[in-house]
PDB file of N, CA and C in Angstrom:
ATOM      1  N   MET A   1       0.742  -1.225  -0.005  1.00  0.00           N
ATOM      2  CA  MET A   1       0.027   0.000  -0.090  1.00  0.00           C
ATOM      3  C   MET A   1       0.897   1.244   0.063  1.00  0.00           C
ATOM      4  N   LEU A   2       0.347   2.390  -0.538  1.00  0.00           N
ATOM      5  CA  LEU A   2       0.993   3.631  -0.741  1.00  0.00           C
ATOM      6  C   LEU A   2       0.268   4.644  -0.134  1.00  0.00           C
ATOM      7  N   SER A   3       0.902   5.328   0.779  1.00  0.00           N
ATOM      8  CA  SER A   3       0.250   6.468   1.647  1.00  0.00           C
ATOM      9  C   SER A   3       0.688   7.804   0.712  1.00  0.00           C
ATOM     10  N   VAL A   4      -0.417   8.411   0.198  1.00  0.00           N
ATOM     11  CA  VAL A   4      -0.204   9.410  -0.992  1.00  0.00           C
ATOM     12  C   VAL A   4      -0.706  10.905  -0.518  1.00  0.00           C
ATOM     13  N   PRO A   5      -0.052  11.841  -0.830  1.00  0.00           N
ATOM     14  CA  PRO A   5      -0.540  13.353  -0.639  1.00  0.00           C
ATOM     15  C   PRO A   5      -1.855  13.262  -1.052  1.00  0.00           C
ATOM     16  N   TRP A   6      -2.530  14.496  -0.522  1.00  0.00           N
ATOM     17  CA  TRP A   6      -3.907  14.860  -0.729  1.00  0.00           C
ATOM     18  C   TRP A   6      -4.077  16.342  -0.467  1.00  0.00           C
ATOM     19  N   THR A   7      -5.157  17.017  -0.993  1.00  0.00           N
ATOM     20  CA  THR A   7      -5.544  18.470  -0.816  1.00  0.00           C
ATOM     21  C   THR A   7      -6.871  18.632  -0.493  1.00  0.00           C
ATOM     22  N   LEU A   8      -7.185  19.293   0.497  1.00  0.00           N
ATOM     23  CA  LEU A   8      -8.404  19.539   0.944  1.00  0.00           C
ATOM     24  C   LEU A   8      -9.297  20.328   0.015  1.00  0.00           C
ATOM     25  N   VAL A   9     -10.461  19.679  -0.257  1.00  0.00           N
ATOM     26  CA  VAL A   9     -11.327  20.232  -1.350  1.00  0.00           C
ATOM     27  C   VAL A   9     -12.496  21.040  -0.604  1.00  0.00           C
ATOM     28  N   ALA A  10     -13.013  20.550   0.555  1.00  0.00           N
ATOM     29  CA  ALA A  10     -14.197  21.132   1.317  1.00  0.00           C
ATOM     30  C   ALA A  10     -14.436  20.417   2.567  1.00  0.00           C
ATOM     31  N   LEU A  11     -14.900  21.389   3.384  1.00  0.00           N
ATOM     32  CA  LEU A  11     -15.575  20.915   4.593  1.00  0.00           C
ATOM     33  C   LEU A  11     -17.069  21.250   4.474  1.00  0.00           C
ATOM     34  N   SER A  12     -17.910  20.292   4.916  1.00  0.00           N
ATOM     35  CA  SER A  12     -19.180  20.408   4.833  1.00  0.00           C
ATOM     36  C   SER A  12     -20.071  19.603   6.028  1.00  0.00           C
ATOM     37  N   ASP A  13     -21.327  19.700   6.102  1.00  0.00           N
ATOM     38  CA  ASP A  13     -22.148  19.211   7.061  1.00  0.00           C
ATOM     39  C   ASP A  13     -21.413  19.467   8.664  1.00  0.00           C
ATOM     40  N   GLY A  14     -21.524  20.818   8.774  1.00  0.00           N
ATOM     41  CA  GLY A  14     -21.122  21.386  10.107  1.00  0.00           C
ATOM     42  C   GLY A  14     -19.766  20.828  10.338  1.00  0.00           C
ATOM     43  N   ASP A  15     -18.868  21.175   9.261  1.00  0.00           N
ATOM     44  CA  ASP A  15     -17.366  20.640   9.437  1.00  0.00           C
ATOM     45  C   ASP A  15     -17.057  19.140   9.904  1.00  0.00           C
ATOM     46  N   ARG A  16     -18.059  18.440  10.012  1.00  0.00           N
ATOM     47  CA  ARG A  16     -18.044  16.957   9.956  1.00  0.00           C
ATOM     48  C   ARG A  16     -17.619  16.007   8.808  1.00  0.00           C
ATOM     49  N   ARG A  17     -17.957  16.566   7.583  1.00  0.00           N
ATOM     50  CA  ARG A  17     -17.684  15.791   6.422  1.00  0.00           C
ATOM     51  C   ARG A  17     -16.316  16.572   5.906  1.00  0.00           C
ATOM     52  N   VAL A  18     -15.199  15.787   5.492  1.00  0.00           N
ATOM     53  CA  VAL A  18     -14.229  16.369   4.846  1.00  0.00           C
ATOM     54  C   VAL A  18     -13.779  15.525   3.410  1.00  0.00           C
ATOM     55  N   THR A  19     -13.825  16.450   2.573  1.00  0.00           N
ATOM     56  CA  THR A  19     -13.513  16.061   1.182  1.00  0.00           C
ATOM     57  C   THR A  19     -12.243  16.230   0.864  1.00  0.00           C
ATOM     58  N   VAL A  20     -11.456  15.321   0.404  1.00  0.00           N
ATOM     59  CA  VAL A  20     -10.047  15.454  -0.175  1.00  0.00           C
ATOM     60  C   VAL A  20      -9.738  14.876  -1.462  1.00  0.00           C
ATOM     61  N   ARG A  21      -8.897  15.569  -2.363  1.00  0.00           N
ATOM     62  CA  ARG A  21      -8.586  15.042  -3.658  1.00  0.00           C
ATOM     63  C   ARG A  21      -7.086  14.393  -3.613  1.00  0.00           C
ATOM     64  N   TYR A  22      -6.979  13.391  -4.134  1.00  0.00           N
ATOM     65  CA  TYR A  22      -5.673  12.725  -4.181  1.00  0.00           C
ATOM     66  C   TYR A  22      -5.484  12.173  -5.704  1.00  0.00           C
ATOM     67  N   ASP A  23      -4.278  11.808  -6.191  1.00  0.00           N
ATOM     68  CA  ASP A  23      -4.031  11.321  -7.558  1.00  0.00           C
ATOM     69  C   ASP A  23      -3.827   9.775  -7.411  1.00  0.00           C
ATOM     70  N   VAL A  24      -4.287   9.165  -8.596  1.00  0.00           N
ATOM     71  CA  VAL A  24      -3.906   7.777  -8.776  1.00  0.00           C
ATOM     72  C   VAL A  24      -3.115   7.795  -9.959  1.00  0.00           C
ATOM     73  N   ALA A  25      -2.586   6.471 -10.323  1.00  0.00           N
ATOM     74  CA  ALA A  25      -1.949   6.314 -11.671  1.00  0.00           C
ATOM     75  C   ALA A  25      -2.378   5.043 -12.060  1.00  0.00           C
ATOM     76  N   GLY A  26      -1.847   4.657 -13.602  1.00  0.00           N
ATOM     77  CA  GLY A  26      -2.078   3.523 -14.103  1.00  0.00           C
ATOM     78  C   GLY A  26      -2.692   2.379 -13.273  1.00  0.00           C
ATOM     79  N   CYS A  27      -1.862   1.660 -12.326  1.00  0.00           N
ATOM     80  CA  CYS A  27      -2.081   0.464 -11.766  1.00  0.00           C
ATOM     81  C   CYS A  27      -2.396   0.897 -10.136  1.00  0.00           C
ATOM     82  N   THR A  28      -2.748   1.918  -9.865  1.00  0.00           N
ATOM     83  CA  THR A  28      -3.099   2.124  -8.429  1.00  0.00           C
ATOM     84  C   THR A  28      -4.594   2.576  -8.104  1.00  0.00           C
ATOM     85  N   GLU A  29      -4.929   2.111  -7.014  1.00  0.00           N
ATOM     86  CA  GLU A  29      -6.562   2.398  -6.673  1.00  0.00           C
ATOM     87  C   GLU A  29      -6.580   2.679  -5.205  1.00  0.00           C
ATOM     88  N   LEU A  30      -7.969   3.330  -4.744  1.00  0.00           N
ATOM     89  CA  LEU A  30      -7.827   3.778  -3.536  1.00  0.00           C
ATOM     90  C   LEU A  30      -8.156   2.350  -2.606  1.00  0.00           C
ATOM     91  N   SER A  31      -7.409   2.296  -1.478  1.00  0.00           N
ATOM     92  CA  SER A  31      -7.613   1.264  -0.628  1.00  0.00           C
ATOM     93  C   SER A  31      -8.623   1.652   0.437  1.00  0.00           C
ATOM     94  N   HIS A  32      -8.150   2.689   1.285  1.00  0.00           N
ATOM     95  CA  HIS A  32      -8.961   3.069   2.102  1.00  0.00           C
ATOM     96  C   HIS A  32      -8.335   4.339   2.775  1.00  0.00           C
ATOM     97  N   VAL A  33      -9.122   5.231   3.562  1.00  0.00           N
ATOM     98  CA  VAL A  33      -8.737   6.431   4.250  1.00  0.00           C
ATOM     99  C   VAL A  33      -8.682   6.248   5.607  1.00  0.00           C
ATOM    100  N   ILE A  34      -7.592   6.437   6.352  1.00  0.00           N
ATOM    101  CA  ILE A  34      -7.481   6.591   7.933  1.00  0.00           C
ATOM    102  C   ILE A  34      -7.600   7.792   8.337  1.00  0.00           C
ATOM    103  N   ILE A  35      -8.300   7.931   9.470  1.00  0.00           N
ATOM    104  CA  ILE A  35      -8.461   9.116  10.115  1.00  0.00           C
ATOM    105  C   ILE A  35      -8.270   8.909  11.611  1.00  0.00           C
ATOM    106  N   HIS A  36      -7.383   9.752  12.047  1.00  0.00           N
ATOM    107  CA  HIS A  36      -7.015   9.767  13.583  1.00  0.00           C
ATOM    108  C   HIS A  36      -7.153  11.103  14.134  1.00  0.00           C
ATOM    109  N   GLN A  37      -8.268  10.961  15.158  1.00  0.00           N
ATOM    110  CA  GLN A  37      -8.962  12.114  15.774  1.00  0.00           C
ATOM    111  C   GLN A  37      -8.141  12.547  17.116  1.00  0.00           C
ATOM    112  N   THR A  38      -7.851  13.578  17.562  1.00  0.00           N
ATOM    113  CA  THR A  38      -7.861  13.986  18.924  1.00  0.00           C
ATOM    114  C   THR A  38      -8.368  15.211  19.248  1.00  0.00           C
ATOM    115  N   LYS A  39      -8.416  15.721  20.326  1.00  0.00           N
ATOM    116  CA  LYS A  39      -8.940  17.090  20.682  1.00  0.00           C
ATOM    117  C   LYS A  39      -8.518  18.219  19.981  1.00  0.00           C
ATOM    118  N   THR A  40      -7.178  18.083  19.517  1.00  0.00           N
ATOM    119  CA  THR A  40      -6.485  19.345  18.792  1.00  0.00           C
ATOM    120  C   THR A  40      -6.215  18.934  17.377  1.00  0.00           C
ATOM    121  N   SER A  41      -6.134  17.728  17.014  1.00  0.00           N
ATOM    122  CA  SER A  41      -6.082  17.508  15.549  1.00  0.00           C
ATOM    123  C   SER A  41      -6.691  16.440  14.855  1.00  0.00           C
ATOM    124  N   VAL A  42      -6.703  16.572  13.486  1.00  0.00           N
ATOM    125  CA  VAL A  42      -7.318  15.317  12.781  1.00  0.00           C
ATOM    126  C   VAL A  42      -6.231  14.684  11.943  1.00  0.00           C
ATOM    127  N   VAL A  43      -5.504  13.886  11.696  1.00  0.00           N
ATOM    128  CA  VAL A  43      -4.806  13.271  11.048  1.00  0.00           C
ATOM    129  C   VAL A  43      -5.276  12.450   9.687  1.00  0.00           C
ATOM    130  N   VAL A  44      -5.266  12.804   8.379  1.00  0.00           N
ATOM    131  CA  VAL A  44      -5.872  11.909   7.452  1.00  0.00           C
ATOM    132  C   VAL A  44      -4.917  11.460   6.686  1.00  0.00           C
ATOM    133  N   GLU A  45      -5.154   9.741   6.405  1.00  0.00           N
ATOM    134  CA  GLU A  45      -3.999   9.382   5.511  1.00  0.00           C
ATOM    135  C   GLU A  45      -4.764   8.474   4.392  1.00  0.00           C
ATOM    136  N   VAL A  46      -4.541   8.852   3.288  1.00  0.00           N
ATOM    137  CA  VAL A  46      -5.021   8.296   1.928  1.00  0.00           C
ATOM    138  C   VAL A  46      -4.040   7.157   1.628  1.00  0.00           C
ATOM    139  N   LEU A  47      -4.551   5.919   1.521  1.00  0.00           N
ATOM    140  CA  LEU A  47      -3.992   4.670   1.298  1.00  0.00           C
ATOM    141  C   LEU A  47      -4.402   4.049  -0.222  1.00  0.00           C
ATOM    142  N   LEU A  48      -3.332   3.964  -1.099  1.00  0.00           N
ATOM    143  CA  LEU A  48      -3.723   3.349  -2.387  1.00  0.00           C
ATOM    144  C   LEU A  48      -3.188   1.939  -2.547  1.00  0.00           C
ATOM    145  N   ASP A  49      -3.865   0.861  -3.179  1.00  0.00           N
ATOM    146  CA  ASP A  49      -3.425  -0.353  -3.462  1.00  0.00           C
ATOM    147  C   ASP A  49      -2.533  -0.130  -4.698  1.00  0.00           C
ATOM    148  N   ASP A  50      -1.277  -0.896  -4.813  1.00  0.00           N
ATOM    149  CA  ASP A  50      -0.508  -0.670  -6.066  1.00  0.00           C
ATOM    150  C   ASP A  50      -0.500  -1.975  -6.704  1.00  0.00           C
ATOM    151  N   HIS A  51      -1.010  -2.158  -7.892  1.00  0.00           N
ATOM    152  CA  HIS A  51      -0.966  -3.302  -8.502  1.00  0.00           C
ATOM    153  C   HIS A  51      -0.041  -3.494  -9.659  1.00  0.00           C
ATOM    154  N   ARG A  52       1.120  -2.746  -9.623  1.00  0.00           N
ATOM    155  CA  ARG A  52       2.100  -2.503 -10.660  1.00  0.00           C
ATOM    156  C   ARG A  52       2.959  -3.837 -10.729  1.00  0.00           C
ATOM    157  N   ALA A  53       3.008  -4.547  -9.626  1.00  0.00           N
ATOM    158  CA  ALA A  53       3.886  -5.573  -9.889  1.00  0.00           C
ATOM    159  C   ALA A  53       3.789  -6.740 -10.950  1.00  0.00           C
ATOM    160  N   GLY A  54       4.819  -6.870 -11.771  1.00  0.00           N
ATOM    161  CA  GLY A  54       4.775  -7.699 -13.240  1.00  0.00           C
ATOM    162  C   GLY A  54       3.705  -7.068 -14.146  1.00  0.00           C
ATOM    163  N   ARG A  55       3.098  -6.094 -14.038  1.00  0.00           N
ATOM    164  CA  ARG A  55       2.370  -5.550 -15.120  1.00  0.00           C
ATOM    165  C   ARG A  55       2.666  -4.425 -15.898  1.00  0.00           C
ATOM    166  N   LEU A  56       2.216  -4.265 -16.873  1.00  0.00           N
ATOM    167  CA  LEU A  56       2.380  -3.244 -17.774  1.00  0.00           C
ATOM    168  C   LEU A  56       1.320  -2.297 -17.344  1.00  0.00           C
ATOM    169  N   CYS A  57       1.464  -1.048 -16.866  1.00  0.00           N
ATOM    170  CA  CYS A  57       0.332  -0.168 -16.655  1.00  0.00           C
ATOM    171  C   CYS A  57       0.286   1.098 -17.583  1.00  0.00           C
ATOM    172  N   PRO A  58      -0.928   1.609 -17.588  1.00  0.00           N
ATOM    173  CA  PRO A  58      -1.030   2.825 -18.492  1.00  0.00           C
ATOM    174  C   PRO A  58      -0.181   3.970 -17.891  1.00  0.00           C
ATOM    175  N   ALA A  59       0.353   4.884 -18.735  1.00  0.00           N
ATOM    176  CA  ALA A  59       0.873   6.041 -18.169  1.00  0.00           C
ATOM    177  C   ALA A  59      -0.138   7.027 -18.048  1.00  0.00           C
ATOM    178  N   TYR A  60      -0.707   7.273 -16.994  1.00  0.00           N
ATOM    179  CA  TYR A  60      -1.712   8.323 -16.768  1.00  0.00           C
ATOM    180  C   TYR A  60      -1.761   8.676 -15.089  1.00  0.00           C
ATOM    181  N   THR A  61      -2.034   9.711 -15.083  1.00  0.00           N
ATOM    182  CA  THR A  61      -2.415  10.243 -13.388  1.00  0.00           C
ATOM    183  C   THR A  61      -3.849  11.008 -13.645  1.00  0.00           C
ATOM    184  N   THR A  62      -4.547  10.752 -12.617  1.00  0.00           N
ATOM    185  CA  THR A  62      -5.743  11.435 -12.718  1.00  0.00           C
ATOM    186  C   THR A  62      -6.450  11.514 -10.910  1.00  0.00           C
ATOM    187  N   SER A  63      -7.078  12.633 -10.859  1.00  0.00           N
ATOM    188  CA  SER A  63      -7.417  13.035  -9.438  1.00  0.00           C
ATOM    189  C   SER A  63      -8.970  12.307  -9.143  1.00  0.00           C
ATOM    190  N   ARG A  64      -8.927  12.083  -7.870  1.00  0.00           N
ATOM    191  CA  ARG A  64     -10.130  11.305  -7.205  1.00  0.00           C
ATOM    192  C   ARG A  64     -10.395  12.036  -6.250  1.00  0.00           C
ATOM    193  N   LEU A  65     -11.780  12.109  -5.425  1.00  0.00           N
ATOM    194  CA  LEU A  65     -12.249  12.491  -4.298  1.00  0.00           C
ATOM    195  C   LEU A  65     -12.518  11.348  -3.410  1.00  0.00           C
ATOM    196  N   ALA A  66     -12.241  11.561  -2.285  1.00  0.00           N
ATOM    197  CA  ALA A  66     -12.398  10.841  -0.958  1.00  0.00           C
ATOM    198  C   ALA A  66     -13.353  11.687   0.192  1.00  0.00           C
ATOM    199  N   ILE A  67     -14.360  11.029   0.547  1.00  0.00           N
ATOM    200  CA  ILE A  67     -15.080  11.701   1.629  1.00  0.00           C
ATOM    201  C   ILE A  67     -15.188  11.035   2.865  1.00  0.00           C
ATOM    202  N   VAL A  68     -14.638  11.739   3.935  1.00  0.00           N
ATOM    203  CA  VAL A  68     -14.649  11.228   5.363  1.00  0.00           C
ATOM    204  C   VAL A  68     -15.572  11.913   6.257  1.00  0.00           C
ATOM    205  N   ARG A  69     -16.040  11.320   7.259  1.00  0.00           N
ATOM    206  CA  ARG A  69     -16.903  11.809   8.369  1.00  0.00           C
ATOM    207  C   ARG A  69     -16.134  11.654   9.636  1.00  0.00           C
ATOM    208  N   LEU A  70     -16.029  12.868  10.092  1.00  0.00           N
ATOM    209  CA  LEU A  70     -15.428  13.058  11.419  1.00  0.00           C
ATOM    210  C   LEU A  70     -16.359  12.683  12.691  1.00  0.00           C
ATOM    211  N   ALA A  71     -15.970  12.246  13.778  1.00  0.00           N
ATOM    212  CA  ALA A  71     -16.657  12.124  14.776  1.00  0.00           C
ATOM    213  C   ALA A  71     -17.239  13.341  15.587  1.00  0.00           C
ATOM    214  N   LEU A  72     -16.411  14.445  15.555  1.00  0.00           N
ATOM    215  CA  LEU A  72     -16.996  15.620  15.909  1.00  0.00           C
ATOM    216  C   LEU A  72     -16.561  16.664  14.770  1.00  0.00           C
ATOM    217  N   PRO A  73     -17.051  17.875  14.831  1.00  0.00           N
ATOM    218  CA  PRO A  73     -16.684  18.931  13.814  1.00  0.00           C
ATOM    219  C   PRO A  73     -15.179  19.356  13.972  1.00  0.00           C
ATOM    220  N   LEU A  74     -14.825  19.721  12.684  1.00  0.00           N
ATOM    221  CA  LEU A  74     -13.323  19.853  12.914  1.00  0.00           C
ATOM    222  C   LEU A  74     -12.881  21.139  13.687  1.00  0.00           C
ATOM    223  N   GLY A  75     -13.670  22.009  13.575  1.00  0.00           N
ATOM    224  CA  GLY A  75     -13.662  23.293  14.502  1.00  0.00           C
ATOM    225  C   GLY A  75     -12.248  23.917  14.555  1.00  0.00           C
ATOM    226  N   SER A  76     -11.701  24.026  15.390  1.00  0.00           N
ATOM    227  CA  SER A  76     -10.248  24.763  15.707  1.00  0.00           C
ATOM    228  C   SER A  76      -9.213  23.615  15.500  1.00  0.00           C
ATOM    229  N   ARG A  77      -9.623  22.407  15.399  1.00  0.00           N
ATOM    230  CA  ARG A  77      -8.341  21.378  15.269  1.00  0.00           C
ATOM    231  C   ARG A  77      -7.714  21.508  13.926  1.00  0.00           C
ATOM    232  N   ALA A  78      -6.308  21.132  14.289  1.00  0.00           N
ATOM    233  CA  ALA A  78      -5.541  21.259  13.020  1.00  0.00           C
ATOM    234  C   ALA A  78      -5.660  19.928  12.013  1.00  0.00           C
ATOM    235  N   LEU A  79      -5.940  20.229  10.760  1.00  0.00           N
ATOM    236  CA  LEU A  79      -6.025  19.172   9.783  1.00  0.00           C
ATOM    237  C   LEU A  79      -4.676  18.766   9.060  1.00  0.00           C
ATOM    238  N   ILE A  80      -4.174  17.654   9.463  1.00  0.00           N
ATOM    239  CA  ILE A  80      -2.833  17.177   9.134  1.00  0.00           C
ATOM    240  C   ILE A  80      -2.728  16.001   8.150  1.00  0.00           C
ATOM    241  N   HIS A  81      -1.763  16.177   7.377  1.00  0.00           N
ATOM    242  CA  HIS A  81      -1.384  15.082   6.433  1.00  0.00           C
ATOM    243  C   HIS A  81      -0.545  14.099   7.219  1.00  0.00           C
ATOM    244  N   ALA A  82      -0.880  12.739   7.060  1.00  0.00           N
ATOM    245  CA  ALA A  82      -0.220  11.737   7.377  1.00  0.00           C
ATOM    246  C   ALA A  82       1.119  11.732   6.556  1.00  0.00           C
ATOM    247  N   ARG A  83       2.162  10.956   7.023  1.00  0.00           N
ATOM    248  CA  ARG A  83       3.204  10.878   6.285  1.00  0.00           C
ATOM    249  C   ARG A  83       2.988  10.154   4.975  1.00  0.00           C
ATOM    250  N   SER A  84       3.557  10.608   3.911  1.00  0.00           N
ATOM    251  CA  SER A  84       3.181   9.941   2.639  1.00  0.00           C
ATOM    252  C   SER A  84       4.506   9.549   1.901  1.00  0.00           C
ATOM    253  N   ALA A  85       4.258   8.580   0.887  1.00  0.00           N
ATOM    254  CA  ALA A  85       5.361   7.981   0.008  1.00  0.00           C
ATOM    255  C   ALA A  85       5.543   8.860  -1.079  1.00  0.00           C
ATOM    256  N   GLY A  86       4.584   9.787  -1.470  1.00  0.00           N
ATOM    257  CA  GLY A  86       4.633  10.557  -2.624  1.00  0.00           C
ATOM    258  C   GLY A  86       5.086  11.754  -2.234  1.00  0.00           C
TER     259      GLY A  86
END
């Protein structure tokens, strides 16, 4: 699995719904999004499955959206990128 960078697209539903944009390439696809929430921060990690091993993959990159729901509104908490490989 690959942890990849993302950008914030929108906060909605009273700051409980976070929409992020991330990039996928030829043989990668979204596996899942991990959210770690504390009183002071929310860490978001976007994980991709990498299916390149032993395959020829198309040479393209495209953006996708992921939407996650927080237990509590983001409010004044910091929104943080998890460490990524990209």
